[in-house]
Amino acid sequence: MLIDSHVNLHAPQFDEDRDAVIARARDAGVGIMVEISDRVSTFEATHALAMAHPDIWCTVGTHPHEAKENPDLSAHTLTELASRPKVVGIGECGLDFHYDLSPRDVQAKVFRTHIEAARLSGLPLVVHTREADAVMADILREEHARAPFRFLMHCYTSGSELARISAEMGCWFSVSGIATFKAAEDVRALIRDMPADRIIVETDCPYLAPVPHRGRRNEPAYISHVLDKLAEIRGWSPDEARARTEDAFFALFDRIERP
């Protein structure tokens, strides 16, 4: 079974052929997809996708780009929504200082709210971080010292120091199609040092299509290319890569019953 730990099937890029995309994923051997919430305000559509398909689960949260939409978002609201069937994580949340589409102080405030919701719900936190290594490290250290929580650094492309700090807190990492890009040797170097029992894979579709599909709309059906590249980078056989990432996925997203 293949697992895509991070899909955005609610995205408008799939409006014309969403059912066909899901069917192609199944035909390619994808048995589980995690549909990621990027706005609490659109969570109903995200949750509806999960409820409509036996092989799709979802998260609840607000992406740092959208943090300004609800700066007073409460952990109670998140945990209440997270109690619904098929919700398996909190996020995607975090910090993005590359685009700064929400004020940085608002991003940090809303991120801390998601951390509290992860603690209260017991669900893993799906973290987005871009060009915010120092602030991200400070927040993670402060919050983890206050009370621990489980978290995933999704599509990790940040620095080695933040990766080290996060790994010491026991976090998971997900590898995306970026690992296949010719110019991404720095990302491959990070992947070589990730904890072997806490690596999972994702497409982040419709974004970041892996080679040989780079430049096209990404789909869950392409997850095997990411898995093959991970195996190559780590020196694992394809079967070992699949088994290791599957074990890591179910250890993290433990609300999903393993088939």
C-alpha atoms as a PDB file:
ATOM      1  CA  MET A   1       0.000   0.000   0.000  1.00  0.00           C
ATOM      2  CA  LEU A   2       1.161   3.520  -0.847  1.00  0.00           C
ATOM      3  CA  ILE A   3       0.349   6.431   1.474  1.00  0.00           C
ATOM      4  CA  ASP A   4       0.185  10.109   0.573  1.00  0.00           C
ATOM      5  CA  SER A   5       0.394  11.978   3.867  1.00  0.00           C
ATOM      6  CA  HIS A   6      -0.361  15.461   2.497  1.00  0.00           C
ATOM      7  CA  VAL A   7      -2.846  16.214  -0.293  1.00  0.00           C
ATOM      8  CA  ASN A   8      -4.832  19.336  -1.117  1.00  0.00           C
ATOM      9  CA  LEU A   9      -7.659  17.753  -3.077  1.00  0.00           C
ATOM     10  CA  HIS A  10      -9.976  20.621  -2.148  1.00  0.00           C
ATOM     11  CA  ALA A  11      -7.814  22.967  -4.259  1.00  0.00           C
ATOM     12  CA  PRO A  12      -9.489  24.610  -7.278  1.00  0.00           C
ATOM     13  CA  GLN A  13      -6.930  22.921  -9.552  1.00  0.00           C
ATOM     14  CA  PHE A  14      -8.956  19.720  -9.052  1.00  0.00           C
ATOM     15  CA  ASP A  15     -12.431  21.178  -9.549  1.00  0.00           C
ATOM     16  CA  GLU A  16     -12.806  19.767 -13.062  1.00  0.00           C
ATOM     17  CA  ASP A  17     -11.647  16.199 -12.403  1.00  0.00           C
ATOM     18  CA  ARG A  18     -11.390  15.542  -8.654  1.00  0.00           C
ATOM     19  CA  ASP A  19     -13.055  12.129  -8.824  1.00  0.00           C
ATOM     20  CA  ALA A  20     -10.777  11.062 -11.679  1.00  0.00           C
ATOM     21  CA  VAL A  21      -7.696  12.162  -9.702  1.00  0.00           C
ATOM     22  CA  ILE A  22      -8.816  10.082  -6.735  1.00  0.00           C
ATOM     23  CA  ALA A  23      -9.499   7.113  -9.021  1.00  0.00           C
ATOM     24  CA  ARG A  24      -6.021   7.391 -10.577  1.00  0.00           C
ATOM     25  CA  ALA A  25      -4.489   7.414  -7.107  1.00  0.00           C
ATOM     26  CA  ARG A  26      -6.269   4.196  -6.227  1.00  0.00           C
ATOM     27  CA  ASP A  27      -5.242   2.611  -9.539  1.00  0.00           C
ATOM     28  CA  ALA A  28      -1.628   3.531  -8.697  1.00  0.00           C
ATOM     29  CA  GLY A  29      -1.882   1.660  -5.383  1.00  0.00           C
ATOM     30  CA  VAL A  30      -2.465   4.600  -3.045  1.00  0.00           C
ATOM     31  CA  GLY A  31      -4.466   3.232  -0.135  1.00  0.00           C
ATOM     32  CA  ILE A  32      -4.518   6.252   2.198  1.00  0.00           C
ATOM     33  CA  MET A  33      -4.572  10.008   1.571  1.00  0.00           C
ATOM     34  CA  VAL A  34      -4.585  12.740   4.217  1.00  0.00           C
ATOM     35  CA  GLU A  35      -6.466  15.828   3.031  1.00  0.00           C
ATOM     36  CA  ILE A  36      -4.944  18.927   4.624  1.00  0.00           C
ATOM     37  CA  SER A  37      -6.962  21.828   5.995  1.00  0.00           C
ATOM     38  CA  ASP A  38      -5.540  25.247   5.127  1.00  0.00           C
ATOM     39  CA  ARG A  39      -8.354  27.351   6.578  1.00  0.00           C
ATOM     40  CA  VAL A  40     -10.724  26.660   9.431  1.00  0.00           C
ATOM     41  CA  SER A  41     -13.281  28.690   7.464  1.00  0.00           C
ATOM     42  CA  THR A  42     -13.250  26.082   4.668  1.00  0.00           C
ATOM     43  CA  PHE A  43     -12.936  23.042   6.917  1.00  0.00           C
ATOM     44  CA  GLU A  44     -16.454  21.845   6.081  1.00  0.00           C
ATOM     45  CA  ALA A  45     -15.409  21.193   2.477  1.00  0.00           C
ATOM     46  CA  THR A  46     -12.195  19.494   3.625  1.00  0.00           C
ATOM     47  CA  HIS A  47     -14.077  17.291   6.070  1.00  0.00           C
ATOM     48  CA  ALA A  48     -16.747  16.462   3.494  1.00  0.00           C
ATOM     49  CA  LEU A  49     -14.063  15.073   1.188  1.00  0.00           C
ATOM     50  CA  ALA A  50     -12.828  12.768   3.927  1.00  0.00           C
ATOM     51  CA  MET A  51     -16.316  11.650   4.847  1.00  0.00           C
ATOM     52  CA  ALA A  52     -17.161  10.878   1.216  1.00  0.00           C
ATOM     53  CA  HIS A  53     -14.227   8.502   0.644  1.00  0.00           C
ATOM     54  CA  PRO A  54     -13.169   5.503   2.757  1.00  0.00           C
ATOM     55  CA  ASP A  55      -9.473   6.013   1.956  1.00  0.00           C
ATOM     56  CA  ILE A  56      -9.262   9.767   2.733  1.00  0.00           C
ATOM     57  CA  TRP A  57      -8.748  11.291   6.182  1.00  0.00           C
ATOM     58  CA  CYS A  58      -8.236  14.963   7.025  1.00  0.00           C
ATOM     59  CA  THR A  59      -6.752  17.555   9.369  1.00  0.00           C
ATOM     60  CA  VAL A  60      -8.135  20.814  10.754  1.00  0.00           C
ATOM     61  CA  GLY A  61      -6.214  24.063  10.893  1.00  0.00           C
ATOM     62  CA  THR A  62      -5.161  27.317   9.276  1.00  0.00           C
ATOM     63  CA  HIS A  63      -2.056  27.785   7.142  1.00  0.00           C
ATOM     64  CA  PRO A  64       0.239  30.672   8.182  1.00  0.00           C
ATOM     65  CA  HIS A  65      -0.654  32.463   4.938  1.00  0.00           C
ATOM     66  CA  GLU A  66      -4.249  32.615   6.193  1.00  0.00           C
ATOM     67  CA  ALA A  67      -3.543  33.331   9.884  1.00  0.00           C
ATOM     68  CA  LYS A  68      -4.785  36.904   9.480  1.00  0.00           C
ATOM     69  CA  GLU A  69      -8.222  35.533   8.614  1.00  0.00           C
ATOM     70  CA  ASN A  70      -8.845  34.538  12.220  1.00  0.00           C
ATOM     71  CA  PRO A  71      -6.165  35.937  14.565  1.00  0.00           C
ATOM     72  CA  ASP A  72      -8.273  35.083  17.607  1.00  0.00           C
ATOM     73  CA  LEU A  73      -8.757  31.444  16.642  1.00  0.00           C
ATOM     74  CA  SER A  74      -9.109  29.389  19.813  1.00  0.00           C
ATOM     75  CA  ALA A  75      -7.736  25.985  20.726  1.00  0.00           C
ATOM     76  CA  HIS A  76     -11.270  25.072  21.832  1.00  0.00           C
ATOM     77  CA  THR A  77     -12.593  25.639  18.310  1.00  0.00           C
ATOM     78  CA  LEU A  78      -9.851  23.487  16.833  1.00  0.00           C
ATOM     79  CA  THR A  79     -10.292  20.658  19.320  1.00  0.00           C
ATOM     80  CA  GLU A  80     -14.043  20.684  18.871  1.00  0.00           C
ATOM     81  CA  LEU A  81     -13.649  20.279  15.106  1.00  0.00           C
ATOM     82  CA  ALA A  82     -10.895  17.706  15.633  1.00  0.00           C
ATOM     83  CA  SER A  83     -13.308  15.489  17.552  1.00  0.00           C
ATOM     84  CA  ARG A  84     -15.245  14.749  14.367  1.00  0.00           C
ATOM     85  CA  PRO A  85     -14.856  11.394  12.601  1.00  0.00           C
ATOM     86  CA  LYS A  86     -11.875  11.017  10.253  1.00  0.00           C
ATOM     87  CA  VAL A  87      -9.975  14.050  11.593  1.00  0.00           C
ATOM     88  CA  VAL A  88      -6.461  12.809  12.296  1.00  0.00           C
ATOM     89  CA  GLY A  89      -4.267  15.894  12.752  1.00  0.00           C
ATOM     90  CA  ILE A  90      -4.041  19.599  13.594  1.00  0.00           C
ATOM     91  CA  GLY A  91      -2.820  21.967  10.883  1.00  0.00           C
ATOM     92  CA  GLU A  92      -1.342  22.769   8.464  1.00  0.00           C
ATOM     93  CA  CYS A  93      -0.003  25.570  10.628  1.00  0.00           C
ATOM     94  CA  GLY A  94       3.264  27.319  11.337  1.00  0.00           C
ATOM     95  CA  LEU A  95       5.350  30.211  10.038  1.00  0.00           C
ATOM     96  CA  ASP A  96       6.061  31.488   6.529  1.00  0.00           C
ATOM     97  CA  PHE A  97       8.361  34.508   6.438  1.00  0.00           C
ATOM     98  CA  HIS A  98       9.033  34.146   2.710  1.00  0.00           C
ATOM     99  CA  TYR A  99       5.691  35.525   1.542  1.00  0.00           C
ATOM    100  CA  ASP A 100       4.576  37.204   4.795  1.00  0.00           C
ATOM    101  CA  LEU A 101       0.951  36.983   3.691  1.00  0.00           C
ATOM    102  CA  SER A 102      -0.056  37.344   7.337  1.00  0.00           C
ATOM    103  CA  PRO A 103       1.744  39.540   9.901  1.00  0.00           C
ATOM    104  CA  ARG A 104       4.517  37.618  11.626  1.00  0.00           C
ATOM    105  CA  ASP A 105       3.174  38.222  15.135  1.00  0.00           C
ATOM    106  CA  VAL A 106      -0.232  36.928  14.052  1.00  0.00           C
ATOM    107  CA  GLN A 107       1.362  33.856  12.479  1.00  0.00           C
ATOM    108  CA  ALA A 108       3.173  33.109  15.740  1.00  0.00           C
ATOM    109  CA  LYS A 109       0.063  33.627  17.864  1.00  0.00           C
ATOM    110  CA  VAL A 110      -2.088  31.365  15.691  1.00  0.00           C
ATOM    111  CA  PHE A 111       0.679  28.757  15.533  1.00  0.00           C
ATOM    112  CA  ARG A 112       0.820  28.581  19.335  1.00  0.00           C
ATOM    113  CA  THR A 113      -2.957  28.101  19.363  1.00  0.00           C
ATOM    114  CA  HIS A 114      -2.563  25.089  17.084  1.00  0.00           C
ATOM    115  CA  ILE A 115       0.113  23.672  19.371  1.00  0.00           C
ATOM    116  CA  GLU A 116      -2.264  23.900  22.315  1.00  0.00           C
ATOM    117  CA  ALA A 117      -4.962  22.168  20.274  1.00  0.00           C
ATOM    118  CA  ALA A 118      -2.518  19.375  19.449  1.00  0.00           C
ATOM    119  CA  ARG A 119      -1.845  18.904  23.156  1.00  0.00           C
ATOM    120  CA  LEU A 120      -5.530  18.928  24.092  1.00  0.00           C
ATOM    121  CA  SER A 121      -6.610  16.588  21.300  1.00  0.00           C
ATOM    122  CA  GLY A 122      -3.594  14.288  21.378  1.00  0.00           C
ATOM    123  CA  LEU A 123      -3.384  14.599  17.598  1.00  0.00           C
ATOM    124  CA  PRO A 124      -0.172  15.287  15.680  1.00  0.00           C
ATOM    125  CA  LEU A 125       0.604  18.822  14.517  1.00  0.00           C
ATOM    126  CA  VAL A 126       1.356  19.336  10.799  1.00  0.00           C
ATOM    127  CA  VAL A 127       3.933  22.148  10.656  1.00  0.00           C
ATOM    128  CA  HIS A 128       4.777  24.429   7.734  1.00  0.00           C
ATOM    129  CA  THR A 129       7.988  26.417   8.105  1.00  0.00           C
ATOM    130  CA  ARG A 130       9.726  28.622   5.549  1.00  0.00           C
ATOM    131  CA  GLU A 131      12.523  31.133   6.126  1.00  0.00           C
ATOM    132  CA  ALA A 132      11.601  31.307   9.817  1.00  0.00           C
ATOM    133  CA  ASP A 133      14.124  28.919  11.361  1.00  0.00           C
ATOM    134  CA  ALA A 134      15.124  30.972  14.414  1.00  0.00           C
ATOM    135  CA  VAL A 135      11.597  31.953  15.435  1.00  0.00           C
ATOM    136  CA  MET A 136      10.278  28.457  14.716  1.00  0.00           C
ATOM    137  CA  ALA A 137      13.010  26.905  16.885  1.00  0.00           C
ATOM    138  CA  ASP A 138      12.275  29.305  19.739  1.00  0.00           C
ATOM    139  CA  ILE A 139       8.532  28.598  19.661  1.00  0.00           C
ATOM    140  CA  LEU A 140       8.989  24.840  19.459  1.00  0.00           C
ATOM    141  CA  ARG A 141      11.473  24.827  22.340  1.00  0.00           C
ATOM    142  CA  GLU A 142       9.307  27.056  24.541  1.00  0.00           C
ATOM    143  CA  GLU A 143       6.111  25.137  23.878  1.00  0.00           C
ATOM    144  CA  HIS A 144       7.682  21.695  24.107  1.00  0.00           C
ATOM    145  CA  ALA A 145       9.263  22.608  27.453  1.00  0.00           C
ATOM    146  CA  ARG A 146       5.858  23.725  28.727  1.00  0.00           C
ATOM    147  CA  ALA A 147       4.185  20.455  27.715  1.00  0.00           C
ATOM    148  CA  PRO A 148       5.129  17.986  24.973  1.00  0.00           C
ATOM    149  CA  PHE A 149       3.202  17.429  21.749  1.00  0.00           C
ATOM    150  CA  ARG A 150       3.776  15.359  18.617  1.00  0.00           C
ATOM    151  CA  PHE A 151       4.562  17.133  15.385  1.00  0.00           C
ATOM    152  CA  LEU A 152       5.472  16.623  11.747  1.00  0.00           C
ATOM    153  CA  MET A 153       7.738  18.931   9.766  1.00  0.00           C
ATOM    154  CA  HIS A 154       5.950  18.673   6.454  1.00  0.00           C
ATOM    155  CA  CYS A 155       7.835  18.999   3.145  1.00  0.00           C
ATOM    156  CA  TYR A 156      10.947  19.931   5.102  1.00  0.00           C
ATOM    157  CA  THR A 157      13.383  22.219   3.232  1.00  0.00           C
ATOM    158  CA  SER A 158      14.617  24.474   6.042  1.00  0.00           C
ATOM    159  CA  GLY A 159      18.024  24.462   7.734  1.00  0.00           C
ATOM    160  CA  SER A 160      19.975  21.646   9.325  1.00  0.00           C
ATOM    161  CA  GLU A 161      19.988  23.297  12.776  1.00  0.00           C
ATOM    162  CA  LEU A 162      16.194  23.514  12.945  1.00  0.00           C
ATOM    163  CA  ALA A 163      16.039  19.919  11.713  1.00  0.00           C
ATOM    164  CA  ARG A 164      18.389  18.841  14.505  1.00  0.00           C
ATOM    165  CA  ILE A 165      16.432  20.711  17.177  1.00  0.00           C
ATOM    166  CA  SER A 166      13.143  19.274  15.916  1.00  0.00           C
ATOM    167  CA  ALA A 167      14.513  15.739  15.702  1.00  0.00           C
ATOM    168  CA  GLU A 168      15.689  15.964  19.302  1.00  0.00           C
ATOM    169  CA  MET A 169      12.085  16.741  20.274  1.00  0.00           C
ATOM    170  CA  GLY A 170      11.023  13.527  18.552  1.00  0.00           C
ATOM    171  CA  CYS A 171       9.386  15.045  15.485  1.00  0.00           C
ATOM    172  CA  TRP A 172       8.603  13.309  12.212  1.00  0.00           C
ATOM    173  CA  PHE A 173       9.634  14.629   8.776  1.00  0.00           C
ATOM    174  CA  SER A 174       7.886  14.265   5.431  1.00  0.00           C
ATOM    175  CA  VAL A 175       9.660  14.121   2.092  1.00  0.00           C
ATOM    176  CA  SER A 176       8.078  15.593  -1.036  1.00  0.00           C
ATOM    177  CA  GLY A 177       8.782  15.770  -4.759  1.00  0.00           C
ATOM    178  CA  ILE A 178      11.402  18.451  -4.101  1.00  0.00           C
ATOM    179  CA  ALA A 179      13.769  15.580  -3.285  1.00  0.00           C
ATOM    180  CA  THR A 180      13.704  14.625  -6.993  1.00  0.00           C
ATOM    181  CA  PHE A 181      14.631  18.097  -8.274  1.00  0.00           C
ATOM    182  CA  LYS A 182      18.088  18.301  -9.851  1.00  0.00           C
ATOM    183  CA  ALA A 183      19.105  21.409  -7.903  1.00  0.00           C
ATOM    184  CA  ALA A 184      17.855  20.156  -4.510  1.00  0.00           C
ATOM    185  CA  GLU A 185      21.042  18.522  -3.225  1.00  0.00           C
ATOM    186  CA  ASP A 186      20.751  20.512   0.012  1.00  0.00           C
ATOM    187  CA  VAL A 187      17.348  18.908   0.613  1.00  0.00           C
ATOM    188  CA  ARG A 188      18.747  15.449  -0.129  1.00  0.00           C
ATOM    189  CA  ALA A 189      21.522  16.098   2.394  1.00  0.00           C
ATOM    190  CA  LEU A 190      18.884  16.860   5.033  1.00  0.00           C
ATOM    191  CA  ILE A 191      16.999  13.677   4.168  1.00  0.00           C
ATOM    192  CA  ARG A 192      20.134  11.581   4.707  1.00  0.00           C
ATOM    193  CA  ASP A 193      20.248  12.793   8.328  1.00  0.00           C
ATOM    194  CA  MET A 194      16.555  12.439   9.196  1.00  0.00           C
ATOM    195  CA  PRO A 195      15.685   9.831  11.857  1.00  0.00           C
ATOM    196  CA  ALA A 196      15.086   6.624   9.916  1.00  0.00           C
ATOM    197  CA  ASP A 197      12.002   5.630  11.895  1.00  0.00           C
ATOM    198  CA  ARG A 198      10.283   9.019  11.580  1.00  0.00           C
ATOM    199  CA  ILE A 199      10.205   9.707   7.824  1.00  0.00           C
ATOM    200  CA  ILE A 200       7.018   9.694   5.755  1.00  0.00           C
ATOM    201  CA  VAL A 201       6.245  10.792   2.185  1.00  0.00           C
ATOM    202  CA  GLU A 202       3.834  13.243   0.596  1.00  0.00           C
ATOM    203  CA  THR A 203       2.960  14.856  -2.717  1.00  0.00           C
ATOM    204  CA  ASP A 204       1.583  18.200  -1.427  1.00  0.00           C
ATOM    205  CA  CYS A 205      -0.509  18.032  -4.596  1.00  0.00           C
ATOM    206  CA  PRO A 206      -1.347  20.005  -6.691  1.00  0.00           C
ATOM    207  CA  TYR A 207       2.076  21.529  -5.983  1.00  0.00           C
ATOM    208  CA  LEU A 208       5.662  20.223  -6.285  1.00  0.00           C
ATOM    209  CA  ALA A 209       5.183  17.462  -8.845  1.00  0.00           C
ATOM    210  CA  PRO A 210       8.173  15.097  -8.747  1.00  0.00           C
ATOM    211  CA  VAL A 211      10.413  14.299 -11.681  1.00  0.00           C
ATOM    212  CA  PRO A 212       9.369  13.049 -14.299  1.00  0.00           C
ATOM    213  CA  HIS A 213       6.163  15.076 -13.881  1.00  0.00           C
ATOM    214  CA  ARG A 214       7.781  18.327 -12.784  1.00  0.00           C
ATOM    215  CA  GLY A 215       6.026  21.399 -14.162  1.00  0.00           C
ATOM    216  CA  ARG A 216       2.630  19.688 -14.271  1.00  0.00           C
ATOM    217  CA  ARG A 217      -0.139  19.604 -11.726  1.00  0.00           C
ATOM    218  CA  ASN A 218       0.810  17.126  -9.026  1.00  0.00           C
ATOM    219  CA  GLU A 219      -1.439  14.195  -8.055  1.00  0.00           C
ATOM    220  CA  PRO A 220      -1.418  11.513  -5.331  1.00  0.00           C
ATOM    221  CA  ALA A 221      -0.776   8.923  -8.049  1.00  0.00           C
ATOM    222  CA  TYR A 222       2.773  10.291  -8.324  1.00  0.00           C
ATOM    223  CA  ILE A 223       3.735   9.427  -4.731  1.00  0.00           C
ATOM    224  CA  SER A 224       5.724   6.372  -5.858  1.00  0.00           C
ATOM    225  CA  HIS A 225       8.326   8.684  -7.456  1.00  0.00           C
ATOM    226  CA  VAL A 226       8.902  10.358  -4.084  1.00  0.00           C
ATOM    227  CA  LEU A 227       9.187   7.013  -2.343  1.00  0.00           C
ATOM    228  CA  ASP A 228      11.670   5.712  -4.922  1.00  0.00           C
ATOM    229  CA  LYS A 229      13.839   8.812  -4.525  1.00  0.00           C
ATOM    230  CA  LEU A 230      13.758   8.470  -0.736  1.00  0.00           C
ATOM    231  CA  ALA A 231      14.927   4.852  -1.088  1.00  0.00           C
ATOM    232  CA  GLU A 232      17.779   5.973  -3.342  1.00  0.00           C
ATOM    233  CA  ILE A 233      18.857   8.776  -0.988  1.00  0.00           C
ATOM    234  CA  ARG A 234      18.831   6.571   2.102  1.00  0.00           C
ATOM    235  CA  GLY A 235      20.258   3.470   0.435  1.00  0.00           C
ATOM    236  CA  TRP A 236      17.112   1.445   1.128  1.00  0.00           C
ATOM    237  CA  SER A 237      15.437  -1.027  -1.158  1.00  0.00           C
ATOM    238  CA  PRO A 238      12.015   0.048  -2.455  1.00  0.00           C
ATOM    239  CA  ASP A 239      10.360  -2.500  -0.172  1.00  0.00           C
ATOM    240  CA  GLU A 240      12.297  -1.249   2.847  1.00  0.00           C
ATOM    241  CA  ALA A 241      11.400   2.353   2.073  1.00  0.00           C
ATOM    242  CA  ARG A 242       7.752   1.460   1.800  1.00  0.00           C
ATOM    243  CA  ALA A 243       7.766  -0.533   5.031  1.00  0.00           C
ATOM    244  CA  ARG A 244       9.666   2.108   7.005  1.00  0.00           C
ATOM    245  CA  THR A 245       7.494   5.007   5.848  1.00  0.00           C
ATOM    246  CA  GLU A 246       4.325   3.014   6.440  1.00  0.00           C
ATOM    247  CA  ASP A 247       5.387   2.172  10.000  1.00  0.00           C
ATOM    248  CA  ALA A 248       6.285   5.819  10.633  1.00  0.00           C
ATOM    249  CA  PHE A 249       2.990   7.046   9.202  1.00  0.00           C
ATOM    250  CA  PHE A 250       0.830   4.865  11.444  1.00  0.00           C
ATOM    251  CA  ALA A 251       2.944   5.706  14.473  1.00  0.00           C
ATOM    252  CA  LEU A 252       2.254   9.402  13.838  1.00  0.00           C
ATOM    253  CA  PHE A 253      -1.329   9.342  12.563  1.00  0.00           C
ATOM    254  CA  ASP A 254      -2.455   6.805  15.120  1.00  0.00           C
ATOM    255  CA  ARG A 255      -6.147   7.657  14.812  1.00  0.00           C
ATOM    256  CA  ILE A 256      -6.084   5.831  11.466  1.00  0.00           C
ATOM    257  CA  GLU A 257      -6.526   2.108  11.941  1.00  0.00           C
ATOM    258  CA  ARG A 258      -3.825   0.135  10.175  1.00  0.00           C
ATOM    259  CA  PRO A 259      -5.295  -2.285   7.616  1.00  0.00           C
END
